[in-house]
Protein backbone atom coordinates (compact mmCIF):
# COMPACT_ATOMS: atom_id res chain seq x y z
CA MET A 1 105.44 55.90 128.68
CA SER A 2 103.90 56.58 125.24
CA GLN A 3 104.17 59.39 122.74
CA TYR A 4 100.76 60.76 121.69
CA LYS A 5 99.84 62.72 118.62
CA TYR A 6 96.92 64.93 119.65
CA LYS A 7 94.33 67.30 118.28
CA ALA A 8 93.09 69.85 120.82
CA MET A 9 91.16 73.11 121.00
CA ALA A 10 92.52 76.25 122.64
CA ARG A 11 90.43 78.67 124.68
CA ASP A 12 90.21 81.04 121.71
CA GLY A 13 88.59 78.29 119.60
CA ARG A 14 91.62 77.50 117.47
CA VAL A 15 92.53 73.87 116.80
CA ARG A 16 96.06 72.84 117.75
CA LEU A 17 98.01 69.76 116.63
CA GLY A 18 101.08 68.39 118.37
CA SER A 19 102.74 65.47 120.13
CA ILE A 20 103.57 64.90 123.78
CA ASP A 21 104.72 62.09 126.12
CA ALA A 22 102.22 60.70 128.64
CA ALA A 23 101.55 57.48 130.50
CA ASN A 24 97.95 57.27 129.27
CA GLU A 25 95.15 59.40 127.81
CA SER A 26 94.04 60.54 131.25
CA GLU A 27 97.46 62.03 131.95
CA LEU A 28 97.57 63.47 128.42
CA GLU A 29 94.28 65.27 129.03
CA GLN A 30 95.52 66.59 132.37
CA ARG A 31 98.76 67.92 130.87
CA LEU A 32 96.97 69.62 127.96
CA SER A 33 94.47 71.17 130.35
CA LYS A 34 97.31 72.80 132.29
CA ILE A 35 98.43 74.63 129.14
CA GLY A 36 94.88 75.72 128.21
CA LEU A 37 93.99 73.02 125.68
CA ASP A 38 90.96 70.71 125.55
CA LEU A 39 91.68 67.30 124.06
CA ILE A 40 89.65 66.36 120.96
CA ARG A 41 91.43 63.28 119.69
CA ALA A 42 94.67 61.42 120.41
CA GLU A 43 96.55 58.41 119.11
CA VAL A 44 99.74 56.63 120.18
CA THR A 45 102.60 57.19 117.75
CA ALA A 46 105.39 55.47 119.73
CA GLN A 47 105.54 53.13 122.71
CA ARG A 48 108.56 53.68 124.93
CA THR A 49 109.55 50.68 126.96
CA SER A 50 111.71 50.80 130.08
CA GLY A 51 114.85 49.49 128.40
CA PHE A 52 118.34 50.73 127.76
CA GLY A 53 118.77 54.47 128.10
CA GLN A 54 115.81 55.06 130.40
CA ARG A 55 116.36 56.16 133.97
CA LYS A 56 115.58 53.62 136.66
CA ILE A 57 113.83 54.41 139.92
CA GLU A 58 116.38 55.75 142.41
CA LYS A 59 116.23 56.10 146.18
CA THR A 60 116.03 59.87 145.71
CA ASP A 61 112.80 59.41 143.71
CA LEU A 62 111.23 57.54 146.63
CA ILE A 63 112.50 60.12 149.13
CA ASN A 64 110.94 62.93 147.05
CA PHE A 65 107.72 60.91 146.76
CA CYS A 66 107.48 60.54 150.55
CA PHE A 67 108.38 64.19 151.22
CA HIS A 68 105.93 65.54 148.62
CA MET A 69 103.04 63.38 149.82
CA GLU A 70 103.84 64.03 153.48
CA GLN A 71 103.74 67.81 153.04
CA LEU A 72 100.52 67.79 151.00
CA THR A 73 98.82 65.31 153.35
CA LYS A 74 99.71 67.39 156.42
CA ALA A 75 98.47 70.51 154.60
CA GLY A 76 95.07 68.87 154.12
CA VAL A 77 95.35 68.30 150.35
CA PRO A 78 93.42 65.15 149.28
CA MET A 79 95.72 62.26 148.54
CA LEU A 80 94.53 61.84 144.94
CA GLU A 81 95.14 65.52 144.18
CA GLY A 82 98.59 65.27 145.75
CA LEU A 83 99.46 62.28 143.55
CA LYS A 84 98.29 64.15 140.46
CA ASP A 85 100.48 67.13 141.36
CA LEU A 86 103.43 64.79 141.90
CA ARG A 87 102.75 63.05 138.58
CA ASP A 88 102.91 66.36 136.74
CA SER A 89 106.08 67.57 138.49
CA VAL A 90 108.29 64.48 138.76
CA GLU A 91 111.27 64.51 136.37
CA ASN A 92 111.92 60.77 136.02
CA PRO A 93 109.71 59.52 133.12
CA ALA A 94 109.65 55.93 134.42
CA PHE A 95 108.52 57.06 137.88
CA ARG A 96 105.98 59.45 136.34
CA GLU A 97 104.46 56.52 134.48
CA ILE A 98 104.17 54.50 137.69
CA ILE A 99 102.55 57.39 139.58
CA ALA A 100 100.11 57.90 136.69
CA SER A 101 99.13 54.22 136.90
CA ILE A 102 98.68 54.52 140.68
CA VAL A 103 96.40 57.54 140.14
CA ASP A 104 94.29 55.53 137.68
CA GLU A 105 93.99 52.61 140.11
CA ILE A 106 92.98 54.86 143.01
CA GLU A 107 90.38 56.54 140.78
CA GLY A 108 89.14 53.01 140.06
CA GLY A 109 88.47 52.42 143.77
CA LYS A 110 91.73 51.10 145.22
CA THR A 111 93.48 52.49 148.28
CA LEU A 112 97.05 53.78 148.03
CA SER A 113 98.50 50.66 149.66
CA GLU A 114 96.52 48.40 147.31
CA ALA A 115 97.78 50.35 144.29
CA LEU A 116 101.41 50.11 145.48
CA VAL A 117 101.22 46.30 145.69
CA ASP A 118 101.47 46.13 141.89
CA TYR A 119 105.05 47.50 142.06
CA PRO A 120 106.92 45.24 144.54
CA THR A 121 110.34 45.99 143.04
CA ILE A 122 109.90 49.69 143.88
CA PHE A 123 107.68 49.67 146.97
CA ASP A 124 108.81 46.83 149.23
CA THR A 125 106.85 44.97 151.90
CA LEU A 126 107.85 47.40 154.64
CA PHE A 127 106.72 50.42 152.58
CA ILE A 128 103.34 48.90 151.70
CA ASN A 129 102.57 47.67 155.23
CA LEU A 130 103.43 51.04 156.76
CA ILE A 131 101.23 52.86 154.23
CA ARG A 132 98.42 50.42 155.04
CA ALA A 133 98.89 51.04 158.77
CA GLY A 134 98.92 54.82 158.17
CA GLU A 135 95.67 54.61 156.20
CA ALA A 136 94.04 52.56 158.98
CA SER A 137 95.18 54.87 161.79
CA GLY A 138 94.71 58.18 159.96
CA GLU A 139 98.42 58.98 160.50
CA LEU A 140 99.49 58.73 156.86
CA GLY A 141 101.49 61.99 157.03
CA LYS A 142 103.50 60.75 160.01
CA VAL A 143 104.14 57.41 158.31
CA LEU A 144 105.32 59.10 155.11
CA GLU A 145 107.69 61.29 157.14
CA SER A 146 109.17 58.19 158.82
CA LEU A 147 109.45 56.38 155.50
CA GLY A 148 111.30 59.28 153.87
CA ALA A 149 113.78 59.41 156.76
CA THR A 150 114.23 55.63 156.69
CA ILE A 151 114.86 55.43 152.93
CA LYS A 152 117.45 58.20 153.27
CA TRP A 153 119.03 56.31 156.17
CA GLN A 154 119.02 53.08 154.12
CA ASP A 155 120.75 54.86 151.25
CA GLU A 156 123.49 56.14 153.57
CA LEU A 157 123.85 52.67 155.12
CA ALA A 158 124.17 51.07 151.67
CA LYS A 159 126.91 53.54 150.80
CA SER A 160 128.72 52.67 154.04
CA THR A 161 128.49 48.96 153.19
CA LYS A 162 129.87 49.55 149.69
CA LYS A 163 132.64 51.65 151.20
CA LEU A 164 133.52 48.76 153.52
CA LEU A 165 133.65 46.19 150.69
CA MET A 166 135.07 48.24 147.82
CA SER A 167 138.30 49.28 149.55
CA PRO A 168 139.69 45.74 150.09
CA LEU A 169 138.44 44.73 146.64
CA PHE A 170 140.27 47.60 144.94
CA ILE A 171 143.52 47.02 146.84
CA GLY A 172 143.24 43.27 146.26
CA ILE A 173 142.90 43.81 142.51
CA ALA A 174 145.98 46.07 142.59
CA VAL A 175 148.02 43.40 144.42
CA LEU A 176 146.78 40.74 141.98
CA GLY A 177 147.81 42.94 139.04
CA VAL A 178 151.33 43.36 140.44
CA THR A 179 151.58 39.59 141.02
CA ILE A 180 150.56 38.79 137.44
CA PHE A 181 153.07 41.32 136.09
CA LEU A 182 155.90 39.80 138.12
CA MET A 183 155.05 36.20 137.27
CA VAL A 184 154.23 36.66 133.59
CA TYR A 185 156.71 39.33 132.51
CA LEU A 186 159.58 39.81 134.97
CA VAL A 187 160.36 36.32 136.29
CA PRO A 188 160.51 34.60 132.83
CA LYS A 189 163.14 37.13 131.75
CA LEU A 190 165.32 36.11 134.72
CA VAL A 191 164.90 32.34 134.42
CA ASP A 192 167.58 31.82 131.73
CA PHE A 193 170.03 33.97 133.67
CA LEU A 194 169.45 32.03 136.89
CA THR A 195 169.61 28.55 135.29
CA ASN A 196 172.82 29.40 133.40
CA MET A 197 174.65 30.26 136.60
CA GLY A 198 175.62 26.61 136.90
CA GLN A 199 174.69 26.01 140.52
CA GLU A 200 171.81 24.38 142.33
CA LEU A 201 169.03 26.87 142.91
CA PRO A 202 167.53 27.19 146.40
CA PHE A 203 164.01 25.97 147.10
CA TYR A 204 162.39 29.43 147.15
CA THR A 205 163.88 30.23 143.72
CA ARG A 206 162.63 26.94 142.25
CA ALA A 207 159.21 27.61 143.77
CA LEU A 208 159.11 31.06 142.16
CA ILE A 209 160.09 29.67 138.74
CA ALA A 210 157.51 26.84 139.04
CA THR A 211 154.79 29.34 139.98
CA SER A 212 155.69 31.59 137.06
CA ASP A 213 155.76 28.63 134.62
CA PHE A 214 152.37 27.43 135.81
CA ILE A 215 150.77 30.87 135.36
CA VAL A 216 152.35 31.32 131.89
CA ASN A 217 151.57 27.82 130.60
CA TYR A 218 148.19 27.31 132.25
CA TRP A 219 146.88 30.86 132.22
CA TYR A 220 143.43 29.67 131.16
CA ILE A 221 143.12 27.65 134.38
CA CYS A 222 144.13 30.68 136.45
CA LEU A 223 141.67 32.86 134.52
CA PHE A 224 138.61 30.64 134.30
CA THR A 225 138.80 28.77 137.62
CA PRO A 226 137.88 31.84 139.74
CA ILE A 227 135.07 32.70 137.29
CA ALA A 228 133.75 29.11 137.42
CA LEU A 229 133.92 29.05 141.22
CA PHE A 230 132.07 32.36 141.38
CA VAL A 231 129.31 31.10 139.07
CA VAL A 232 128.95 27.83 141.01
CA LEU A 233 128.82 29.71 144.31
CA LYS A 234 126.26 32.17 142.91
CA LEU A 235 124.01 29.36 141.65
CA ALA A 236 124.36 27.41 144.90
CA VAL A 237 123.52 30.46 147.01
CA THR A 238 120.57 31.35 144.76
CA TYR A 239 118.95 27.92 144.50
CA ASN A 240 120.06 26.00 147.60
CA ASN A 241 118.84 27.16 151.02
CA LYS A 242 121.55 25.26 152.92
CA ALA A 243 124.29 26.80 150.78
CA ARG A 244 122.76 30.27 151.24
CA TYR A 245 122.62 29.78 155.01
CA ALA A 246 126.25 28.56 155.13
CA PHE A 247 127.42 31.48 152.96
CA ASP A 248 125.60 34.04 155.13
CA GLU A 249 127.09 32.43 158.24
CA VAL A 250 130.59 32.72 156.78
CA LYS A 251 129.96 36.40 155.98
CA LEU A 252 128.98 37.10 159.59
CA LYS A 253 132.14 35.33 160.84
CA ALA A 254 134.55 36.88 158.33
CA TRP A 255 137.57 38.42 160.02
CA LYS A 256 136.99 42.09 160.87
CA ILE A 257 134.34 42.55 158.17
CA GLY A 258 131.83 40.06 159.62
CA PRO A 259 131.13 41.95 162.88
CA VAL A 260 130.56 45.18 160.92
CA LEU A 261 128.09 43.44 158.57
CA GLN A 262 126.28 42.00 161.59
CA LYS A 263 125.94 45.48 163.09
CA ILE A 264 124.58 46.81 159.78
CA ILE A 265 121.96 44.02 159.61
CA LEU A 266 120.92 44.46 163.25
CA SER A 267 120.70 48.22 162.83
CA ARG A 268 118.36 47.80 159.84
CA PHE A 269 116.27 45.24 161.75
CA ALA A 270 115.90 47.51 164.79
CA ASN A 271 114.97 50.48 162.60
CA PHE A 272 112.36 48.53 160.61
CA PHE A 273 110.91 46.92 163.74
CA SER A 274 110.62 50.32 165.42
CA MET A 275 108.80 51.88 162.46
CA LEU A 276 106.36 49.00 162.15
CA TYR A 277 105.61 48.91 165.88
CA ASP A 278 105.22 52.69 166.06
CA ALA A 279 102.69 52.50 163.20
CA GLY A 280 100.48 50.28 165.34
CA ILE A 281 101.27 46.93 163.71
CA PRO A 282 101.16 43.95 166.18
CA ILE A 283 104.52 42.55 167.32
CA MET A 284 104.10 39.17 165.62
CA ARG A 285 103.26 40.86 162.33
CA CYS A 286 106.24 43.22 162.82
CA LEU A 287 108.56 40.24 163.21
CA ASP A 288 107.03 38.52 160.21
CA ILE A 289 107.61 41.58 157.99
CA ALA A 290 111.10 42.21 159.39
CA GLU A 291 112.03 38.58 158.73
CA GLY A 292 111.08 39.02 155.06
CA ILE A 293 113.13 42.21 154.73
CA VAL A 294 116.37 41.11 156.43
CA ASP A 295 118.82 39.94 153.77
CA ASN A 296 120.64 37.25 155.74
CA GLU A 297 119.43 33.68 156.28
CA VAL A 298 121.14 33.32 159.68
CA VAL A 299 119.39 36.41 161.07
CA LYS A 300 116.11 35.33 159.43
CA ALA A 301 116.34 31.96 161.19
CA ALA A 302 117.00 33.70 164.52
CA ILE A 303 113.96 35.99 164.07
CA LYS A 304 111.83 32.98 163.13
CA GLN A 305 113.00 31.15 166.26
CA ALA A 306 112.21 34.20 168.41
CA ARG A 307 108.76 34.43 166.83
CA GLY A 308 108.12 30.80 167.74
CA ASP A 309 109.23 31.36 171.36
CA ILE A 310 106.95 34.41 171.67
CA ASN A 311 104.05 32.34 170.36
CA GLU A 312 104.73 29.90 173.19
CA GLY A 313 104.55 32.69 175.79
CA GLU A 314 108.16 33.86 176.15
CA PRO A 315 108.77 37.60 176.67
CA LEU A 316 110.19 39.41 173.64
CA SER A 317 113.62 40.05 175.19
CA GLN A 318 113.96 36.45 176.43
CA ALA A 319 112.97 35.08 173.02
CA PHE A 320 115.72 37.08 171.33
CA GLN A 321 118.24 36.09 173.99
CA ASN A 322 117.43 32.40 173.39
CA THR A 323 118.60 32.67 169.76
CA GLY A 324 122.19 33.33 170.85
CA LEU A 325 122.67 35.67 167.89
CA PHE A 326 121.56 39.03 169.22
CA PRO A 327 124.16 40.85 171.39
CA PRO A 328 123.47 41.80 175.03
CA LEU A 329 122.87 45.43 173.96
CA VAL A 330 119.87 44.44 171.82
CA VAL A 331 118.42 42.14 174.48
CA ARG A 332 118.90 44.76 177.21
CA MET A 333 117.21 47.51 175.18
CA LEU A 334 114.30 45.19 174.33
CA ARG A 335 113.87 44.43 178.03
CA ILE A 336 113.89 48.16 178.83
CA GLY A 337 111.31 48.77 176.10
CA GLU A 338 109.06 46.03 177.49
CA THR A 339 109.36 47.45 181.02
CA THR A 340 108.71 51.08 180.09
CA GLY A 341 106.17 50.43 177.33
CA ALA A 342 108.30 52.40 174.85
CA LEU A 343 109.56 49.55 172.68
CA ASP A 344 109.77 51.71 169.55
CA LYS A 345 112.08 54.22 171.27
CA ALA A 346 114.26 51.42 172.68
CA LEU A 347 114.64 49.98 169.18
CA LEU A 348 115.53 53.40 167.77
CA ASN A 349 118.22 53.71 170.45
CA ILE A 350 119.69 50.39 169.23
CA SER A 351 119.70 51.66 165.66
CA TYR A 352 121.27 55.00 166.69
CA PHE A 353 124.01 53.28 168.69
CA TYR A 354 124.87 50.88 165.87
CA ASP A 355 124.86 53.68 163.28
CA ARG A 356 127.62 55.49 165.15
CA ASP A 357 129.48 52.24 165.83
CA ILE A 358 129.26 51.19 162.16
CA LYS A 359 130.93 54.38 160.95
CA ASP A 360 133.74 54.02 163.47
CA SER A 361 134.18 50.32 162.63
CA ILE A 362 134.34 50.97 158.88
CA ASP A 363 136.99 53.64 159.39
CA LYS A 364 139.03 51.22 161.55
CA VAL A 365 138.75 48.36 159.05
CA GLN A 366 139.78 50.62 156.17
CA ALA A 367 142.70 51.99 158.18
CA MET A 368 143.84 48.40 158.78
CA ILE A 369 143.30 47.06 155.23
CA GLN A 370 145.80 49.33 153.49
CA PRO A 371 148.77 48.41 155.74
CA SER A 372 147.80 44.72 155.51
CA MET A 373 147.78 44.80 151.72
CA THR A 374 151.07 46.72 151.78
CA VAL A 375 152.60 43.95 153.91
CA ILE A 376 151.33 41.28 151.49
CA LEU A 377 152.77 43.18 148.54
CA GLY A 378 156.06 43.64 150.43
CA ILE A 379 156.24 39.87 151.14
CA LEU A 380 155.61 39.13 147.46
CA LEU A 381 158.30 41.54 146.26
CA GLY A 382 160.67 40.28 148.95
CA TRP A 383 160.16 36.71 147.72
CA VAL A 384 160.98 37.73 144.14
CA MET A 385 164.07 39.70 145.18
CA MET A 386 165.34 36.93 147.47
CA ALA A 387 164.74 34.28 144.79
CA VAL A 388 166.67 36.32 142.21
CA LEU A 389 169.38 37.98 144.25
CA GLY A 390 170.04 35.00 146.56
CA PRO A 391 171.64 32.79 143.89
CA ILE A 392 173.58 35.77 142.50
CA TYR A 393 174.99 36.51 145.96
CA ASP A 394 175.91 32.85 146.46
CA THR A 395 177.68 32.78 143.11
CA ILE A 396 179.67 35.91 143.89
CA SER A 397 180.59 34.55 147.33
CA ASN A 398 182.01 31.35 145.76
CA ILE A 399 184.28 33.20 143.32
CA GLN A 400 187.95 32.66 144.20
CA PHE A 401 190.07 35.79 143.84
């Protein structure tokens, strides 16, 4: 987005000078025309880069894009005119700049899907392929409607995933904070008192004192070891395929949380597959695109295996059953879809079922996490109290009256 200093002529013949933000001169001319000015000359006075302080592209921007274009397309408004209207009305400057560039590329002879390819971080593979399918079939309005609903659904699913992960993280940090307070502040104040009692301390008291001493004297190890392990794990997962596969496998098998994450991934897969198939994209191409979108190496490998089996002549449902990863519900619904010829509806049923199940599962996990963390905190406090009060009680018991 650039700031232009312009010279323009009003309808009454007067010359006007001013400055305005625009993505390029074409957009500048369009914006001046809307306020009754004809551009004479313009020059860039400031170039605004997409750095700190500028809004990024949000899911709501994409939802509004799909809704706006869907309504105008169904109303018979030419796509280029609809994009120009959207460019002039969108509030996010960064997104306005992208739409202005798309308008320029379409005016230069590209299709909408070809113009979107230049922005892969905003319009993903699924989005572009569905737009391409909508252009080929003449059902662009229907595709845009489905995309808007899917992006909204993805946003809600992402919030559910964050809700699942943030609750144990927050409670875990609280328990860790209490532990550090006890070991660094409270226990050292009691050590002198306990050692001066003149009796042999029990094992659990010695263990508590040793733990406290280690944290106080080697705090840098306690602080930097988790950070170092996190960095090593992050690098391994990013640059090593085997490590990424093993990490994704562990996530799917994690106690209580793993099954919920698997349902979230399968729900997304079924929804994407349904949209692609309903848009008229061949099954093998649907699987290829879905494999690229799924963010889990274990599920990707299963889809790749299923794709290979289908290439060799296996039915779709049997190919997915052979992977051993997809639950009986998914396989059964795929078999029903093959039998009835309504595979897209069968896949949507899978997604709908998992959506409801995911919400219930997240509520159950969260209801279980808080008591579990409370028990852990209770055990920790009980250890401290027993380690401190135990020797005091023994000393009092040995006093001869």
